[in-house]
PDB file of N, CA and C in Angstrom:
ATOM      1  N   MET A   1     -12.746  -5.847  -6.527  1.00  0.00           N
ATOM      2  CA  MET A   1     -12.860  -6.556  -5.283  1.00  0.00           C
ATOM      3  C   MET A   1     -14.330  -6.884  -5.033  1.00  0.00           C
ATOM      4  N   THR A   2     -14.580  -8.105  -4.650  1.00  0.00           N
ATOM      5  CA  THR A   2     -15.931  -8.533  -4.339  1.00  0.00           C
ATOM      6  C   THR A   2     -16.063  -8.721  -2.829  1.00  0.00           C
ATOM      7  N   PHE A   3     -17.063  -8.086  -2.259  1.00  0.00           N
ATOM      8  CA  PHE A   3     -17.277  -8.162  -0.814  1.00  0.00           C
ATOM      9  C   PHE A   3     -18.435  -9.085  -0.516  1.00  0.00           C
ATOM     10  N   PRO A   4     -18.426  -9.768   0.621  1.00  0.00           N
ATOM     11  CA  PRO A   4     -17.368  -9.784   1.647  1.00  0.00           C
ATOM     12  C   PRO A   4     -16.138 -10.543   1.147  1.00  0.00           C
ATOM     13  N   CYS A   5     -14.995 -10.194   1.708  1.00  0.00           N
ATOM     14  CA  CYS A   5     -13.746 -10.843   1.325  1.00  0.00           C
ATOM     15  C   CYS A   5     -12.754 -10.815   2.489  1.00  0.00           C
ATOM     16  N   HIS A   6     -11.742 -11.665   2.373  1.00  0.00           N
ATOM     17  CA  HIS A   6     -10.628 -11.652   3.320  1.00  0.00           C
ATOM     18  C   HIS A   6      -9.594 -10.687   2.770  1.00  0.00           C
ATOM     19  N   PHE A   7      -8.988  -9.915   3.655  1.00  0.00           N
ATOM     20  CA  PHE A   7      -7.988  -8.942   3.234  1.00  0.00           C
ATOM     21  C   PHE A   7      -6.883  -8.889   4.277  1.00  0.00           C
ATOM     22  N   GLU A   8      -5.648  -8.799   3.809  1.00  0.00           N
ATOM     23  CA  GLU A   8      -4.509  -8.743   4.729  1.00  0.00           C
ATOM     24  C   GLU A   8      -3.846  -7.372   4.658  1.00  0.00           C
ATOM     25  N   TYR A   9      -3.767  -6.723   5.807  1.00  0.00           N
ATOM     26  CA  TYR A   9      -3.052  -5.462   5.950  1.00  0.00           C
ATOM     27  C   TYR A   9      -1.662  -5.770   6.470  1.00  0.00           C
ATOM     28  N   LYS A  10      -0.666  -4.991   6.022  1.00  0.00           N
ATOM     29  CA  LYS A  10       0.696  -5.143   6.525  1.00  0.00           C
ATOM     30  C   LYS A  10       1.194  -3.775   6.972  1.00  0.00           C
ATOM     31  N   ALA A  11       1.504  -3.680   8.250  1.00  0.00           N
ATOM     32  CA  ALA A  11       1.986  -2.437   8.835  1.00  0.00           C
ATOM     33  C   ALA A  11       3.426  -2.637   9.287  1.00  0.00           C
ATOM     34  N   PHE A  12       4.302  -1.750   8.856  1.00  0.00           N
ATOM     35  CA  PHE A  12       5.715  -1.833   9.208  1.00  0.00           C
ATOM     36  C   PHE A  12       6.032  -0.734  10.205  1.00  0.00           C
ATOM     37  N   GLY A  13       6.740  -1.115  11.264  1.00  0.00           N
ATOM     38  CA  GLY A  13       7.088  -0.160  12.299  1.00  0.00           C
ATOM     39  C   GLY A  13       8.328  -0.593  13.043  1.00  0.00           C
ATOM     40  N   PRO A  14       8.626   0.069  14.136  1.00  0.00           N
ATOM     41  CA  PRO A  14       9.835  -0.241  14.894  1.00  0.00           C
ATOM     42  C   PRO A  14       9.749  -1.608  15.559  1.00  0.00           C
ATOM     43  N   GLY A  15      10.872  -2.265  15.622  1.00  0.00           N
ATOM     44  CA  GLY A  15      10.949  -3.517  16.370  1.00  0.00           C
ATOM     45  C   GLY A  15      10.918  -3.192  17.850  1.00  0.00           C
ATOM     46  N   ASP A  16      10.128  -3.924  18.594  1.00  0.00           N
ATOM     47  CA  ASP A  16      10.071  -3.714  20.033  1.00  0.00           C
ATOM     48  C   ASP A  16       9.816  -5.050  20.715  1.00  0.00           C
ATOM     49  N   GLU A  17      10.331  -5.171  21.892  1.00  0.00           N
ATOM     50  CA  GLU A  17      10.172  -6.428  22.621  1.00  0.00           C
ATOM     51  C   GLU A  17       8.939  -6.419  23.509  1.00  0.00           C
ATOM     52  N   ASP A  18       8.375  -5.251  23.742  1.00  0.00           N
ATOM     53  CA  ASP A  18       7.211  -5.182  24.630  1.00  0.00           C
ATOM     54  C   ASP A  18       5.878  -5.330  23.889  1.00  0.00           C
ATOM     55  N   GLY A  19       5.913  -5.439  22.556  1.00  0.00           N
ATOM     56  CA  GLY A  19       4.703  -5.660  21.779  1.00  0.00           C
ATOM     57  C   GLY A  19       3.841  -4.425  21.605  1.00  0.00           C
ATOM     58  N   ARG A  20       4.407  -3.256  21.847  1.00  0.00           N
ATOM     59  CA  ARG A  20       3.642  -2.012  21.772  1.00  0.00           C
ATOM     60  C   ARG A  20       3.120  -1.741  20.364  1.00  0.00           C
ATOM     61  N   PHE A  21       3.985  -1.889  19.361  1.00  0.00           N
ATOM     62  CA  PHE A  21       3.550  -1.608  17.988  1.00  0.00           C
ATOM     63  C   PHE A  21       2.459  -2.588  17.556  1.00  0.00           C
ATOM     64  N   ARG A  22       2.635  -3.851  17.885  1.00  0.00           N
ATOM     65  CA  ARG A  22       1.612  -4.854  17.546  1.00  0.00           C
ATOM     66  C   ARG A  22       0.271  -4.490  18.189  1.00  0.00           C
ATOM     67  N   ALA A  23       0.309  -4.074  19.436  1.00  0.00           N
ATOM     68  CA  ALA A  23      -0.912  -3.692  20.139  1.00  0.00           C
ATOM     69  C   ALA A  23      -1.565  -2.474  19.487  1.00  0.00           C
ATOM     70  N   GLN A  24      -0.764  -1.527  19.026  1.00  0.00           N
ATOM     71  CA  GLN A  24      -1.303  -0.351  18.354  1.00  0.00           C
ATOM     72  C   GLN A  24      -1.986  -0.731  17.050  1.00  0.00           C
ATOM     73  N   VAL A  25      -1.383  -1.655  16.311  1.00  0.00           N
ATOM     74  CA  VAL A  25      -1.976  -2.117  15.057  1.00  0.00           C
ATOM     75  C   VAL A  25      -3.292  -2.831  15.341  1.00  0.00           C
ATOM     76  N   GLN A  26      -3.290  -3.723  16.322  1.00  0.00           N
ATOM     77  CA  GLN A  26      -4.513  -4.453  16.660  1.00  0.00           C
ATOM     78  C   GLN A  26      -5.618  -3.486  17.093  1.00  0.00           C
ATOM     79  N   GLU A  27      -5.273  -2.513  17.892  1.00  0.00           N
ATOM     80  CA  GLU A  27      -6.260  -1.542  18.367  1.00  0.00           C
ATOM     81  C   GLU A  27      -6.832  -0.727  17.203  1.00  0.00           C
ATOM     82  N   ALA A  28      -5.968  -0.300  16.279  1.00  0.00           N
ATOM     83  CA  ALA A  28      -6.424   0.495  15.137  1.00  0.00           C
ATOM     84  C   ALA A  28      -7.390  -0.297  14.259  1.00  0.00           C
ATOM     85  N   VAL A  29      -7.035  -1.528  13.942  1.00  0.00           N
ATOM     86  CA  VAL A  29      -7.895  -2.358  13.095  1.00  0.00           C
ATOM     87  C   VAL A  29      -9.204  -2.667  13.820  1.00  0.00           C
ATOM     88  N   SER A  30      -9.121  -2.889  15.116  1.00  0.00           N
ATOM     89  CA  SER A  30     -10.305  -3.236  15.910  1.00  0.00           C
ATOM     90  C   SER A  30     -11.314  -2.108  16.010  1.00  0.00           C
ATOM     91  N   THR A  31     -10.919  -0.890  15.701  1.00  0.00           N
ATOM     92  CA  THR A  31     -11.886   0.202  15.711  1.00  0.00           C
ATOM     93  C   THR A  31     -12.885   0.075  14.564  1.00  0.00           C
ATOM     94  N   VAL A  32     -12.538  -0.747  13.566  1.00  0.00           N
ATOM     95  CA  VAL A  32     -13.393  -0.896  12.390  1.00  0.00           C
ATOM     96  C   VAL A  32     -13.996  -2.296  12.294  1.00  0.00           C
ATOM     97  N   VAL A  33     -13.160  -3.317  12.454  1.00  0.00           N
ATOM     98  CA  VAL A  33     -13.613  -4.708  12.338  1.00  0.00           C
ATOM     99  C   VAL A  33     -13.049  -5.517  13.495  1.00  0.00           C
ATOM    100  N   THR A  34     -13.669  -6.636  13.766  1.00  0.00           N
ATOM    101  CA  THR A  34     -13.187  -7.526  14.816  1.00  0.00           C
ATOM    102  C   THR A  34     -11.926  -8.229  14.341  1.00  0.00           C
ATOM    103  N   VAL A  35     -10.918  -8.258  15.202  1.00  0.00           N
ATOM    104  CA  VAL A  35      -9.665  -8.943  14.859  1.00  0.00           C
ATOM    105  C   VAL A  35      -9.198  -9.728  16.087  1.00  0.00           C
ATOM    106  N   SER A  36      -8.810 -10.959  15.852  1.00  0.00           N
ATOM    107  CA  SER A  36      -8.306 -11.788  16.945  1.00  0.00           C
ATOM    108  C   SER A  36      -6.786 -11.835  16.890  1.00  0.00           C
ATOM    109  N   ARG A  37      -6.174 -12.216  17.979  1.00  0.00           N
ATOM    110  CA  ARG A  37      -4.709 -12.351  18.010  1.00  0.00           C
ATOM    111  C   ARG A  37      -4.249 -13.435  17.037  1.00  0.00           C
ATOM    112  N   GLN A  38      -5.086 -14.432  16.788  1.00  0.00           N
ATOM    113  CA  GLN A  38      -4.721 -15.501  15.865  1.00  0.00           C
ATOM    114  C   GLN A  38      -4.668 -15.000  14.419  1.00  0.00           C
ATOM    115  N   ALA A  39      -5.329 -13.896  14.136  1.00  0.00           N
ATOM    116  CA  ALA A  39      -5.342 -13.329  12.785  1.00  0.00           C
ATOM    117  C   ALA A  39      -4.140 -12.426  12.539  1.00  0.00           C
ATOM    118  N   MET A  40      -3.257 -12.323  13.533  1.00  0.00           N
ATOM    119  CA  MET A  40      -2.102 -11.439  13.431  1.00  0.00           C
ATOM    120  C   MET A  40      -0.800 -12.239  13.408  1.00  0.00           C
ATOM    121  N   ARG A  41       0.125 -11.763  12.573  1.00  0.00           N
ATOM    122  CA  ARG A  41       1.468 -12.353  12.530  1.00  0.00           C
ATOM    123  C   ARG A  41       2.485 -11.221  12.617  1.00  0.00           C
ATOM    124  N   VAL A  42       3.579 -11.494  13.293  1.00  0.00           N
ATOM    125  CA  VAL A  42       4.650 -10.507  13.415  1.00  0.00           C
ATOM    126  C   VAL A  42       5.925 -11.112  12.850  1.00  0.00           C
ATOM    127  N   ARG A  43       6.566 -10.363  11.967  1.00  0.00           N
ATOM    128  CA  ARG A  43       7.833 -10.811  11.390  1.00  0.00           C
ATOM    129  C   ARG A  43       8.873  -9.712  11.586  1.00  0.00           C
ATOM    130  N   PRO A  44       9.898  -9.982  12.396  1.00  0.00           N
ATOM    131  CA  PRO A  44      10.942  -8.971  12.606  1.00  0.00           C
ATOM    132  C   PRO A  44      11.899  -8.910  11.412  1.00  0.00           C
ATOM    133  N   SER A  45      12.533  -7.753  11.230  1.00  0.00           N
ATOM    134  CA  SER A  45      13.567  -7.628  10.201  1.00  0.00           C
ATOM    135  C   SER A  45      14.801  -8.408  10.636  1.00  0.00           C
ATOM    136  N   SER A  46      15.722  -8.586   9.732  1.00  0.00           N
ATOM    137  CA  SER A  46      16.919  -9.385  10.045  1.00  0.00           C
ATOM    138  C   SER A  46      17.733  -8.774  11.186  1.00  0.00           C
ATOM    139  N   THR A  47      17.688  -7.463  11.330  1.00  0.00           N
ATOM    140  CA  THR A  47      18.444  -6.812  12.405  1.00  0.00           C
ATOM    141  C   THR A  47      17.597  -6.596  13.659  1.00  0.00           C
ATOM    142  N   GLY A  48      16.287  -6.765  13.521  1.00  0.00           N
ATOM    143  CA  GLY A  48      15.395  -6.551  14.649  1.00  0.00           C
ATOM    144  C   GLY A  48      15.004  -5.099  14.862  1.00  0.00           C
ATOM    145  N   LYS A  49      15.497  -4.222  13.996  1.00  0.00           N
ATOM    146  CA  LYS A  49      15.201  -2.797  14.136  1.00  0.00           C
ATOM    147  C   LYS A  49      13.748  -2.496  13.753  1.00  0.00           C
ATOM    148  N   TYR A  50      13.214  -3.263  12.814  1.00  0.00           N
ATOM    149  CA  TYR A  50      11.843  -3.070  12.344  1.00  0.00           C
ATOM    150  C   TYR A  50      11.072  -4.375  12.428  1.00  0.00           C
ATOM    151  N   GLN A  51       9.754  -4.268  12.272  1.00  0.00           N
ATOM    152  CA  GLN A  51       8.908  -5.451  12.221  1.00  0.00           C
ATOM    153  C   GLN A  51       7.724  -5.194  11.295  1.00  0.00           C
ATOM    154  N   CYS A  52       7.185  -6.273  10.776  1.00  0.00           N
ATOM    155  CA  CYS A  52       5.987  -6.213   9.955  1.00  0.00           C
ATOM    156  C   CYS A  52       4.874  -6.930  10.718  1.00  0.00           C
ATOM    157  N   VAL A  53       3.778  -6.245  10.929  1.00  0.00           N
ATOM    158  CA  VAL A  53       2.616  -6.843  11.576  1.00  0.00           C
ATOM    159  C   VAL A  53       1.553  -7.045  10.496  1.00  0.00           C
ATOM    160  N   SER A  54       1.212  -8.296  10.225  1.00  0.00           N
ATOM    161  CA  SER A  54       0.188  -8.628   9.237  1.00  0.00           C
ATOM    162  C   SER A  54      -1.101  -8.969   9.967  1.00  0.00           C
ATOM    163  N   VAL A  55      -2.209  -8.455   9.427  1.00  0.00           N
ATOM    164  CA  VAL A  55      -3.518  -8.682  10.040  1.00  0.00           C
ATOM    165  C   VAL A  55      -4.484  -9.138   8.950  1.00  0.00           C
ATOM    166  N   LEU A  56      -5.061 -10.312   9.131  1.00  0.00           N
ATOM    167  CA  LEU A  56      -6.034 -10.850   8.190  1.00  0.00           C
ATOM    168  C   LEU A  56      -7.433 -10.636   8.758  1.00  0.00           C
ATOM    169  N   VAL A  57      -8.278  -9.946   7.985  1.00  0.00           N
ATOM    170  CA  VAL A  57      -9.634  -9.645   8.447  1.00  0.00           C
ATOM    171  C   VAL A  57     -10.645  -9.958   7.340  1.00  0.00           C
ATOM    172  N   THR A  58     -11.898 -10.015   7.723  1.00  0.00           N
ATOM    173  CA  THR A  58     -12.983 -10.151   6.765  1.00  0.00           C
ATOM    174  C   THR A  58     -13.672  -8.796   6.643  1.00  0.00           C
ATOM    175  N   LEU A  59     -13.711  -8.284   5.422  1.00  0.00           N
ATOM    176  CA  LEU A  59     -14.324  -6.987   5.159  1.00  0.00           C
ATOM    177  C   LEU A  59     -15.667  -7.180   4.467  1.00  0.00           C
ATOM    178  N   ARG A  60     -16.620  -6.362   4.834  1.00  0.00           N
ATOM    179  CA  ARG A  60     -17.963  -6.456   4.243  1.00  0.00           C
ATOM    180  C   ARG A  60     -18.188  -5.452   3.116  1.00  0.00           C
ATOM    181  N   ASN A  61     -17.373  -4.372   3.095  1.00  0.00           N
ATOM    182  CA  ASN A  61     -17.559  -3.354   2.056  1.00  0.00           C
ATOM    183  C   ASN A  61     -16.307  -2.481   1.921  1.00  0.00           C
ATOM    184  N   ARG A  62     -16.309  -1.627   0.910  1.00  0.00           N
ATOM    185  CA  ARG A  62     -15.173  -0.756   0.615  1.00  0.00           C
ATOM    186  C   ARG A  62     -14.947   0.271   1.733  1.00  0.00           C
ATOM    187  N   ALA A  63     -16.021   0.695   2.370  1.00  0.00           N
ATOM    188  CA  ALA A  63     -15.894   1.670   3.460  1.00  0.00           C
ATOM    189  C   ALA A  63     -15.048   1.105   4.593  1.00  0.00           C
ATOM    190  N   GLN A  64     -15.210  -0.172   4.912  1.00  0.00           N
ATOM    191  CA  GLN A  64     -14.386  -0.797   5.956  1.00  0.00           C
ATOM    192  C   GLN A  64     -12.920  -0.857   5.520  1.00  0.00           C
ATOM    193  N   LEU A  65     -12.669  -1.193   4.268  1.00  0.00           N
ATOM    194  CA  LEU A  65     -11.303  -1.241   3.742  1.00  0.00           C
ATOM    195  C   LEU A  65     -10.607   0.100   3.952  1.00  0.00           C
ATOM    196  N   ASP A  66     -11.278   1.168   3.540  1.00  0.00           N
ATOM    197  CA  ASP A  66     -10.702   2.507   3.661  1.00  0.00           C
ATOM    198  C   ASP A  66     -10.577   2.960   5.113  1.00  0.00           C
ATOM    199  N   ALA A  67     -11.551   2.598   5.941  1.00  0.00           N
ATOM    200  CA  ALA A  67     -11.531   3.009   7.352  1.00  0.00           C
ATOM    201  C   ALA A  67     -10.374   2.359   8.107  1.00  0.00           C
ATOM    202  N   VAL A  68     -10.062   1.104   7.798  1.00  0.00           N
ATOM    203  CA  VAL A  68      -8.936   0.441   8.464  1.00  0.00           C
ATOM    204  C   VAL A  68      -7.626   1.112   8.044  1.00  0.00           C
ATOM    205  N   TYR A  69      -7.473   1.401   6.747  1.00  0.00           N
ATOM    206  CA  TYR A  69      -6.267   2.107   6.302  1.00  0.00           C
ATOM    207  C   TYR A  69      -6.140   3.453   7.023  1.00  0.00           C
ATOM    208  N   ALA A  70      -7.226   4.181   7.148  1.00  0.00           N
ATOM    209  CA  ALA A  70      -7.196   5.484   7.824  1.00  0.00           C
ATOM    210  C   ALA A  70      -6.800   5.328   9.287  1.00  0.00           C
ATOM    211  N   ALA A  71      -7.330   4.311   9.957  1.00  0.00           N
ATOM    212  CA  ALA A  71      -7.000   4.080  11.369  1.00  0.00           C
ATOM    213  C   ALA A  71      -5.531   3.714  11.525  1.00  0.00           C
ATOM    214  N   LEU A  72      -5.016   2.895  10.635  1.00  0.00           N
ATOM    215  CA  LEU A  72      -3.604   2.490  10.707  1.00  0.00           C
ATOM    216  C   LEU A  72      -2.675   3.676  10.459  1.00  0.00           C
ATOM    217  N   ARG A  73      -3.054   4.569   9.570  1.00  0.00           N
ATOM    218  CA  ARG A  73      -2.207   5.742   9.275  1.00  0.00           C
ATOM    219  C   ARG A  73      -2.059   6.678  10.474  1.00  0.00           C
ATOM    220  N   LYS A  74      -2.932   6.563  11.456  1.00  0.00           N
ATOM    221  CA  LYS A  74      -2.863   7.411  12.654  1.00  0.00           C
ATOM    222  C   LYS A  74      -1.816   6.939  13.660  1.00  0.00           C
ATOM    223  N   ILE A  75      -1.228   5.757  13.458  1.00  0.00           N
ATOM    224  CA  ILE A  75      -0.210   5.233  14.375  1.00  0.00           C
ATOM    225  C   ILE A  75       1.073   6.037  14.180  1.00  0.00           C
ATOM    226  N   ASP A  76       1.536   6.680  15.227  1.00  0.00           N
ATOM    227  CA  ASP A  76       2.722   7.540  15.145  1.00  0.00           C
ATOM    228  C   ASP A  76       3.967   6.801  14.662  1.00  0.00           C
ATOM    229  N   ASP A  77       4.178   5.574  15.124  1.00  0.00           N
ATOM    230  CA  ASP A  77       5.395   4.841  14.789  1.00  0.00           C
ATOM    231  C   ASP A  77       5.344   4.117  13.442  1.00  0.00           C
ATOM    232  N   LEU A  78       4.235   4.225  12.725  1.00  0.00           N
ATOM    233  CA  LEU A  78       4.087   3.547  11.448  1.00  0.00           C
ATOM    234  C   LEU A  78       5.105   4.075  10.440  1.00  0.00           C
ATOM    235  N   LYS A  79       5.837   3.153   9.816  1.00  0.00           N
ATOM    236  CA  LYS A  79       6.839   3.524   8.820  1.00  0.00           C
ATOM    237  C   LYS A  79       6.331   3.302   7.402  1.00  0.00           C
ATOM    238  N   TYR A  80       5.553   2.221   7.203  1.00  0.00           N
ATOM    239  CA  TYR A  80       5.107   1.849   5.855  1.00  0.00           C
ATOM    240  C   TYR A  80       3.852   1.016   5.993  1.00  0.00           C
ATOM    241  N   LEU A  81       2.966   1.098   5.004  1.00  0.00           N
ATOM    242  CA  LEU A  81       1.696   0.390   5.070  1.00  0.00           C
ATOM    243  C   LEU A  81       1.363  -0.224   3.727  1.00  0.00           C
ATOM    244  N   LEU A  82       1.023  -1.497   3.727  1.00  0.00           N
ATOM    245  CA  LEU A  82       0.571  -2.187   2.505  1.00  0.00           C
ATOM    246  C   LEU A  82      -0.842  -2.666   2.701  1.00  0.00           C
TER     247      LEU A  82
END
C-alpha cells in the first residue's frame, strides 16, 4: 500500500431505522480521520435485519489504517468488518 491513499472500510451491523449504527461507524472513523456524510453509504440486507455501512477515507499512513480498524472494533453492535 502506498500512502496517502483512498481506503474503504465496510462495517456490518444490525439494520435500524434510526441510523444509530451508521452514526456509531461515523463517530468511530472520525476519531482518527475526517469523514463526511457524503463519504458514507448504507446498504441494507434483503430482509432489513442487517446493514453494511461503507466509509471512504483518505489515509496518510499505516497507523491511521490500523487505528480506524481498532476504533470500529469497539462498536458493540458490529457483526463483521472488512
